[in-house]
Every structure is written in structure tokens, then in C-alpha cells.
N, C-alpha and C. Protein backbone atom coordinates (compact mmCIF):
# COMPACT_ATOMS: atom_id res chain seq x y z
N UNK A 1 10.28 16.85 18.99
CA UNK A 1 9.16 16.13 18.39
C UNK A 1 7.86 16.82 18.81
N UNK A 2 7.01 17.06 17.87
CA UNK A 2 5.73 17.70 18.12
C UNK A 2 4.68 16.61 18.36
N UNK A 3 4.23 16.49 19.58
CA UNK A 3 3.29 15.42 19.92
C UNK A 3 1.85 15.74 19.55
N UNK A 4 1.58 16.98 19.17
CA UNK A 4 0.21 17.33 18.84
C UNK A 4 0.01 17.57 17.35
N UNK A 5 0.96 17.14 16.53
CA UNK A 5 0.82 17.28 15.08
C UNK A 5 1.25 15.98 14.41
N UNK A 6 0.89 15.85 13.15
CA UNK A 6 1.24 14.66 12.38
C UNK A 6 2.55 14.87 11.63
N UNK A 7 3.26 13.79 11.35
CA UNK A 7 4.45 13.92 10.50
C UNK A 7 4.04 14.40 9.11
N UNK A 8 4.98 15.07 8.43
CA UNK A 8 4.72 15.55 7.09
C UNK A 8 4.32 14.39 6.18
N UNK A 9 3.29 14.59 5.38
CA UNK A 9 2.90 13.60 4.38
C UNK A 9 1.82 12.63 4.83
N UNK A 10 1.38 12.69 6.08
CA UNK A 10 0.30 11.82 6.54
C UNK A 10 -0.89 12.69 6.94
N UNK A 11 -2.05 12.09 7.04
CA UNK A 11 -3.23 12.87 7.36
C UNK A 11 -4.24 12.04 8.12
N UNK A 12 -5.09 12.74 8.85
CA UNK A 12 -6.27 12.14 9.47
C UNK A 12 -7.43 12.33 8.49
N UNK A 13 -8.40 11.46 8.59
CA UNK A 13 -9.61 11.60 7.79
C UNK A 13 -10.75 11.99 8.74
N UNK A 14 -11.26 13.20 8.59
CA UNK A 14 -12.38 13.64 9.42
C UNK A 14 -13.66 13.01 8.89
N UNK A 15 -14.75 13.21 9.63
CA UNK A 15 -16.01 12.51 9.35
C UNK A 15 -16.44 12.65 7.89
N UNK A 16 -16.56 13.86 7.38
CA UNK A 16 -17.04 14.07 6.01
C UNK A 16 -16.04 13.53 4.99
N UNK A 17 -14.74 13.73 5.24
CA UNK A 17 -13.72 13.22 4.32
C UNK A 17 -13.74 11.69 4.30
N UNK A 18 -13.91 11.10 5.46
CA UNK A 18 -13.96 9.64 5.55
C UNK A 18 -15.20 9.10 4.82
N UNK A 19 -16.31 9.78 4.99
CA UNK A 19 -17.53 9.40 4.30
C UNK A 19 -17.34 9.46 2.79
N UNK A 20 -16.78 10.57 2.29
CA UNK A 20 -16.57 10.73 0.85
C UNK A 20 -15.60 9.67 0.32
N UNK A 21 -14.55 9.40 1.07
CA UNK A 21 -13.58 8.36 0.67
C UNK A 21 -14.26 7.00 0.59
N UNK A 22 -15.06 6.67 1.61
CA UNK A 22 -15.76 5.38 1.60
C UNK A 22 -16.76 5.28 0.46
N UNK A 23 -17.46 6.36 0.18
CA UNK A 23 -18.41 6.36 -0.94
C UNK A 23 -17.70 6.16 -2.27
N UNK A 24 -16.56 6.81 -2.44
CA UNK A 24 -15.78 6.65 -3.67
C UNK A 24 -15.31 5.20 -3.81
N UNK A 25 -14.84 4.61 -2.71
CA UNK A 25 -14.41 3.21 -2.75
C UNK A 25 -15.58 2.29 -3.11
N UNK A 26 -16.76 2.55 -2.55
CA UNK A 26 -17.95 1.75 -2.88
C UNK A 26 -18.28 1.86 -4.37
N UNK A 27 -18.23 3.09 -4.89
CA UNK A 27 -18.55 3.32 -6.30
C UNK A 27 -17.54 2.60 -7.20
N UNK A 28 -16.25 2.73 -6.89
CA UNK A 28 -15.24 2.05 -7.69
C UNK A 28 -15.40 0.53 -7.60
N UNK A 29 -15.67 0.02 -6.40
CA UNK A 29 -15.87 -1.42 -6.24
C UNK A 29 -17.05 -1.90 -7.07
N UNK A 30 -18.11 -1.12 -7.09
CA UNK A 30 -19.29 -1.48 -7.88
C UNK A 30 -18.96 -1.56 -9.37
N UNK A 31 -18.18 -0.59 -9.85
CA UNK A 31 -17.78 -0.60 -11.27
C UNK A 31 -16.93 -1.83 -11.56
N UNK A 32 -15.93 -2.09 -10.72
CA UNK A 32 -15.06 -3.25 -10.95
C UNK A 32 -15.83 -4.56 -10.84
N UNK A 33 -16.68 -4.69 -9.80
CA UNK A 33 -17.47 -5.91 -9.65
C UNK A 33 -18.39 -6.12 -10.84
N UNK A 34 -18.98 -5.03 -11.34
CA UNK A 34 -19.86 -5.12 -12.50
C UNK A 34 -19.14 -5.57 -13.75
N UNK A 35 -17.85 -5.33 -13.81
CA UNK A 35 -17.04 -5.75 -14.97
C UNK A 35 -16.41 -7.12 -14.74
N UNK A 36 -16.79 -7.80 -13.65
CA UNK A 36 -16.30 -9.16 -13.42
C UNK A 36 -15.00 -9.25 -12.64
N UNK A 37 -14.55 -8.15 -12.05
CA UNK A 37 -13.33 -8.18 -11.23
C UNK A 37 -13.67 -8.59 -9.81
N UNK A 38 -12.71 -9.21 -9.13
CA UNK A 38 -12.87 -9.60 -7.75
C UNK A 38 -11.81 -8.91 -6.91
N UNK A 39 -12.20 -8.46 -5.71
CA UNK A 39 -11.29 -7.69 -4.86
C UNK A 39 -10.37 -8.61 -4.06
N UNK A 40 -9.12 -8.19 -3.97
CA UNK A 40 -8.14 -8.85 -3.10
C UNK A 40 -7.49 -7.78 -2.22
N UNK A 41 -6.92 -8.20 -1.12
CA UNK A 41 -6.20 -7.29 -0.24
C UNK A 41 -4.85 -7.92 0.10
N UNK A 42 -3.87 -7.07 0.27
CA UNK A 42 -2.54 -7.53 0.63
C UNK A 42 -2.19 -7.00 2.02
N UNK A 43 -1.16 -7.59 2.60
CA UNK A 43 -0.73 -7.20 3.94
C UNK A 43 -0.10 -5.81 3.92
N UNK A 44 -0.25 -5.10 5.00
CA UNK A 44 0.36 -3.77 5.12
C UNK A 44 1.86 -3.89 5.27
N UNK A 45 2.33 -4.89 6.01
CA UNK A 45 3.76 -5.14 6.18
C UNK A 45 4.21 -6.19 5.17
N UNK A 46 5.40 -6.00 4.66
CA UNK A 46 5.94 -6.92 3.66
C UNK A 46 7.44 -7.04 3.88
N UNK A 47 8.02 -8.17 3.50
CA UNK A 47 9.48 -8.28 3.56
C UNK A 47 10.10 -7.28 2.59
N UNK A 48 11.16 -6.63 3.04
CA UNK A 48 11.85 -5.64 2.21
C UNK A 48 12.29 -6.24 0.88
N UNK A 49 12.70 -7.51 0.90
CA UNK A 49 13.23 -8.16 -0.31
C UNK A 49 12.30 -8.03 -1.51
N UNK A 50 10.99 -8.00 -1.27
CA UNK A 50 10.05 -7.88 -2.39
C UNK A 50 10.28 -6.57 -3.14
N UNK A 51 10.64 -5.51 -2.41
CA UNK A 51 10.81 -4.19 -3.02
C UNK A 51 12.28 -3.83 -3.20
N UNK A 52 13.19 -4.60 -2.64
CA UNK A 52 14.61 -4.27 -2.64
C UNK A 52 15.26 -4.27 -4.00
N UNK A 53 14.67 -4.92 -4.97
CA UNK A 53 15.24 -4.95 -6.30
C UNK A 53 14.80 -3.79 -7.16
N UNK A 54 14.24 -2.79 -6.54
CA UNK A 54 13.73 -1.64 -7.29
C UNK A 54 14.82 -1.02 -8.14
N UNK A 55 14.44 -0.54 -9.29
CA UNK A 55 15.42 0.07 -10.19
C UNK A 55 15.87 1.44 -9.72
N UNK A 56 15.16 2.02 -8.77
CA UNK A 56 15.52 3.35 -8.26
C UNK A 56 16.10 3.21 -6.86
N UNK A 57 17.43 3.39 -6.69
CA UNK A 57 18.04 3.20 -5.38
C UNK A 57 17.52 4.19 -4.33
N UNK A 58 16.99 5.32 -4.75
CA UNK A 58 16.44 6.28 -3.80
C UNK A 58 15.18 5.75 -3.13
N UNK A 59 14.54 4.77 -3.73
CA UNK A 59 13.32 4.21 -3.15
C UNK A 59 13.56 3.68 -1.75
N UNK A 60 14.73 3.09 -1.49
CA UNK A 60 15.02 2.51 -0.18
C UNK A 60 14.91 3.57 0.91
N UNK A 61 15.42 4.75 0.67
CA UNK A 61 15.41 5.80 1.68
C UNK A 61 14.01 6.35 1.92
N UNK A 62 13.08 6.07 1.02
CA UNK A 62 11.71 6.58 1.15
C UNK A 62 10.78 5.58 1.82
N UNK A 63 11.27 4.37 2.13
CA UNK A 63 10.43 3.35 2.74
C UNK A 63 10.45 3.46 4.26
N UNK A 64 9.30 3.17 4.88
CA UNK A 64 9.22 3.04 6.33
C UNK A 64 9.68 1.62 6.66
N UNK A 65 10.76 1.49 7.41
CA UNK A 65 11.37 0.18 7.66
C UNK A 65 11.32 -0.18 9.14
N UNK A 66 11.24 -1.47 9.43
CA UNK A 66 11.33 -2.00 10.78
C UNK A 66 11.80 -3.44 10.69
N UNK A 67 12.14 -4.03 11.81
CA UNK A 67 12.58 -5.42 11.80
C UNK A 67 11.61 -6.25 12.63
N UNK A 68 11.50 -7.54 12.28
CA UNK A 68 10.66 -8.44 13.05
C UNK A 68 11.50 -9.10 14.14
N UNK A 69 10.90 -10.02 14.89
CA UNK A 69 11.60 -10.64 16.02
C UNK A 69 12.78 -11.50 15.57
N UNK A 70 12.83 -11.89 14.31
CA UNK A 70 13.97 -12.67 13.78
C UNK A 70 15.04 -11.77 13.17
N UNK A 71 14.81 -10.47 13.14
CA UNK A 71 15.76 -9.53 12.55
C UNK A 71 15.57 -9.32 11.07
N UNK A 72 14.52 -9.88 10.49
CA UNK A 72 14.25 -9.67 9.06
C UNK A 72 13.76 -8.24 8.85
N UNK A 73 14.23 -7.63 7.76
CA UNK A 73 13.84 -6.26 7.45
C UNK A 73 12.45 -6.26 6.80
N UNK A 74 11.56 -5.48 7.38
CA UNK A 74 10.19 -5.33 6.88
C UNK A 74 9.97 -3.89 6.46
N UNK A 75 8.99 -3.67 5.60
CA UNK A 75 8.61 -2.31 5.22
C UNK A 75 7.08 -2.20 5.21
N UNK A 76 6.61 -0.99 5.48
CA UNK A 76 5.21 -0.70 5.18
C UNK A 76 5.14 -0.60 3.66
N UNK A 77 4.21 -1.27 3.06
CA UNK A 77 4.20 -1.36 1.59
C UNK A 77 4.26 0.01 0.93
N UNK A 78 5.28 0.24 0.10
CA UNK A 78 5.38 1.50 -0.64
C UNK A 78 4.56 1.45 -1.94
N UNK A 79 4.14 0.26 -2.34
CA UNK A 79 3.39 0.08 -3.58
C UNK A 79 2.67 -1.26 -3.45
N UNK A 80 1.50 -1.36 -3.99
CA UNK A 80 0.74 -2.61 -3.86
C UNK A 80 0.95 -3.52 -5.07
N UNK A 81 1.38 -2.98 -6.18
CA UNK A 81 1.47 -3.74 -7.42
C UNK A 81 2.37 -4.97 -7.29
N UNK A 82 3.55 -4.80 -6.69
CA UNK A 82 4.45 -5.95 -6.53
C UNK A 82 3.86 -6.99 -5.58
N UNK A 83 3.08 -6.55 -4.61
CA UNK A 83 2.42 -7.50 -3.72
C UNK A 83 1.38 -8.33 -4.47
N UNK A 84 0.67 -7.71 -5.38
CA UNK A 84 -0.30 -8.45 -6.18
C UNK A 84 0.42 -9.48 -7.05
N UNK A 85 1.56 -9.10 -7.61
CA UNK A 85 2.35 -10.05 -8.40
C UNK A 85 2.82 -11.21 -7.53
N UNK A 86 3.27 -10.91 -6.29
CA UNK A 86 3.69 -11.97 -5.37
C UNK A 86 2.51 -12.88 -5.06
N UNK A 87 1.36 -12.30 -4.79
CA UNK A 87 0.17 -13.07 -4.48
C UNK A 87 -0.21 -13.98 -5.66
N UNK A 88 -0.18 -13.43 -6.86
CA UNK A 88 -0.53 -14.22 -8.04
C UNK A 88 0.44 -15.37 -8.25
N UNK A 89 1.73 -15.11 -8.01
CA UNK A 89 2.74 -16.15 -8.24
C UNK A 89 2.73 -17.24 -7.18
N UNK A 90 2.31 -16.90 -5.97
CA UNK A 90 2.43 -17.87 -4.88
C UNK A 90 1.11 -18.44 -4.37
N UNK A 91 -0.01 -17.74 -4.60
CA UNK A 91 -1.24 -18.18 -3.95
C UNK A 91 -2.42 -18.37 -4.89
N UNK A 92 -2.31 -17.89 -6.11
CA UNK A 92 -3.43 -18.01 -7.04
C UNK A 92 -3.15 -19.11 -8.05
N UNK A 93 -4.20 -19.75 -8.50
CA UNK A 93 -4.02 -20.80 -9.49
C UNK A 93 -3.54 -20.21 -10.80
N UNK A 94 -3.13 -21.05 -11.72
CA UNK A 94 -2.62 -20.59 -13.00
C UNK A 94 -3.68 -20.01 -13.91
N UNK A 95 -4.92 -20.02 -13.49
CA UNK A 95 -6.00 -19.49 -14.31
C UNK A 95 -5.94 -17.97 -14.36
N UNK A 96 -6.33 -17.42 -15.47
CA UNK A 96 -6.37 -15.97 -15.60
C UNK A 96 -7.51 -15.45 -14.72
N UNK A 97 -7.21 -14.42 -13.94
CA UNK A 97 -8.22 -13.86 -13.05
C UNK A 97 -8.26 -12.35 -13.20
N UNK A 98 -9.44 -11.79 -12.97
CA UNK A 98 -9.62 -10.34 -13.03
C UNK A 98 -9.71 -9.85 -11.59
N UNK A 99 -8.67 -9.15 -11.15
CA UNK A 99 -8.59 -8.71 -9.77
C UNK A 99 -8.48 -7.20 -9.70
N UNK A 100 -8.93 -6.65 -8.57
CA UNK A 100 -8.68 -5.25 -8.28
C UNK A 100 -8.37 -5.11 -6.80
N UNK A 101 -7.78 -3.98 -6.45
CA UNK A 101 -7.46 -3.73 -5.04
C UNK A 101 -7.64 -2.25 -4.73
N UNK A 102 -7.95 -2.00 -3.49
CA UNK A 102 -8.03 -0.64 -2.96
C UNK A 102 -7.26 -0.68 -1.65
N UNK A 103 -6.29 0.19 -1.50
CA UNK A 103 -5.53 0.19 -0.26
C UNK A 103 -4.58 1.36 -0.19
N UNK A 104 -3.96 1.49 0.95
CA UNK A 104 -2.99 2.56 1.17
C UNK A 104 -1.58 2.04 0.97
N UNK A 105 -0.72 2.92 0.50
CA UNK A 105 0.70 2.62 0.42
C UNK A 105 1.43 3.71 1.20
N UNK A 106 2.66 3.41 1.60
CA UNK A 106 3.36 4.29 2.53
C UNK A 106 4.78 4.55 2.06
N UNK A 107 5.13 5.82 1.95
CA UNK A 107 6.51 6.19 1.67
C UNK A 107 6.73 7.62 2.14
N UNK A 108 7.97 7.92 2.49
CA UNK A 108 8.33 9.28 2.88
C UNK A 108 8.22 10.18 1.67
N UNK A 109 7.68 11.34 1.87
CA UNK A 109 7.64 12.35 0.83
C UNK A 109 8.78 13.32 1.05
N UNK A 110 9.14 14.04 0.03
CA UNK A 110 10.17 15.08 0.19
C UNK A 110 9.63 16.14 1.11
N UNK A 111 10.44 16.56 2.05
CA UNK A 111 10.03 17.59 3.00
C UNK A 111 10.16 18.94 2.31
N UNK A 112 9.07 19.72 2.34
CA UNK A 112 9.13 21.03 1.67
C UNK A 112 10.07 21.97 2.40
N UNK A 113 10.65 22.92 1.68
CA UNK A 113 11.54 23.88 2.34
C UNK A 113 10.80 24.73 3.35
N UNK A 114 11.48 25.13 4.40
CA UNK A 114 10.85 25.93 5.46
C UNK A 114 10.95 27.40 5.12
């Protein structure tokens, strides 16, 4: 294990990159807010069951998985869309709402050949 490098597929954001990313998020938020959308955020950890019904069986091997203290299988969200659907079905009223989200998702990428 290389303790001074990052795993393949992840990155640090240096000062200028972080600034540019934040500015882009502000600009996108302004556009969405101006069009009447409201921002929501979902949890980074989610029960595997939400994503377990995926039509692509290879998706399971690409998820970062862990268990909670009860032994339930959790994943770092590989996609936010299903979480928004869960949120709408369980926590939002039946009224039509205009929502947007900005966030990170996590999945293993294919390791390039050496």
C-alpha cells in the first residue's frame, strides 16, 4: 500500500481548482435558483438496497461498501438520482417541486493497464 499517494480514480482539490469548482457551483446554483429550482442534498452513505436492484450486475462490484453496527450493508452513493427519488417518495409532499442537487458520487473506476 502506498501511503503517500491516492487510490486510482480519486483526487485532491488544490487551492485554485477548489476555487474554480466552488465558483462553478455558485454559477450553476444561481441559474437553477433563477429558474425557480430549490437545492436539496442527500446523505453520502445509503443503504445498499436502494441501489441493489440495478439492472447492471457489475454495478455492485464498483460500489464502495461497508456495514453499520447492525450489520446492514451500506454504500457510498454511486449515483444521486435514486436518492432524490427516495427523498421525493418518503419526505416530500405530493406537490410538484423543482429541485436540483450538486454533490459527489463514488464508484470504483476500471484500473488502467500498467
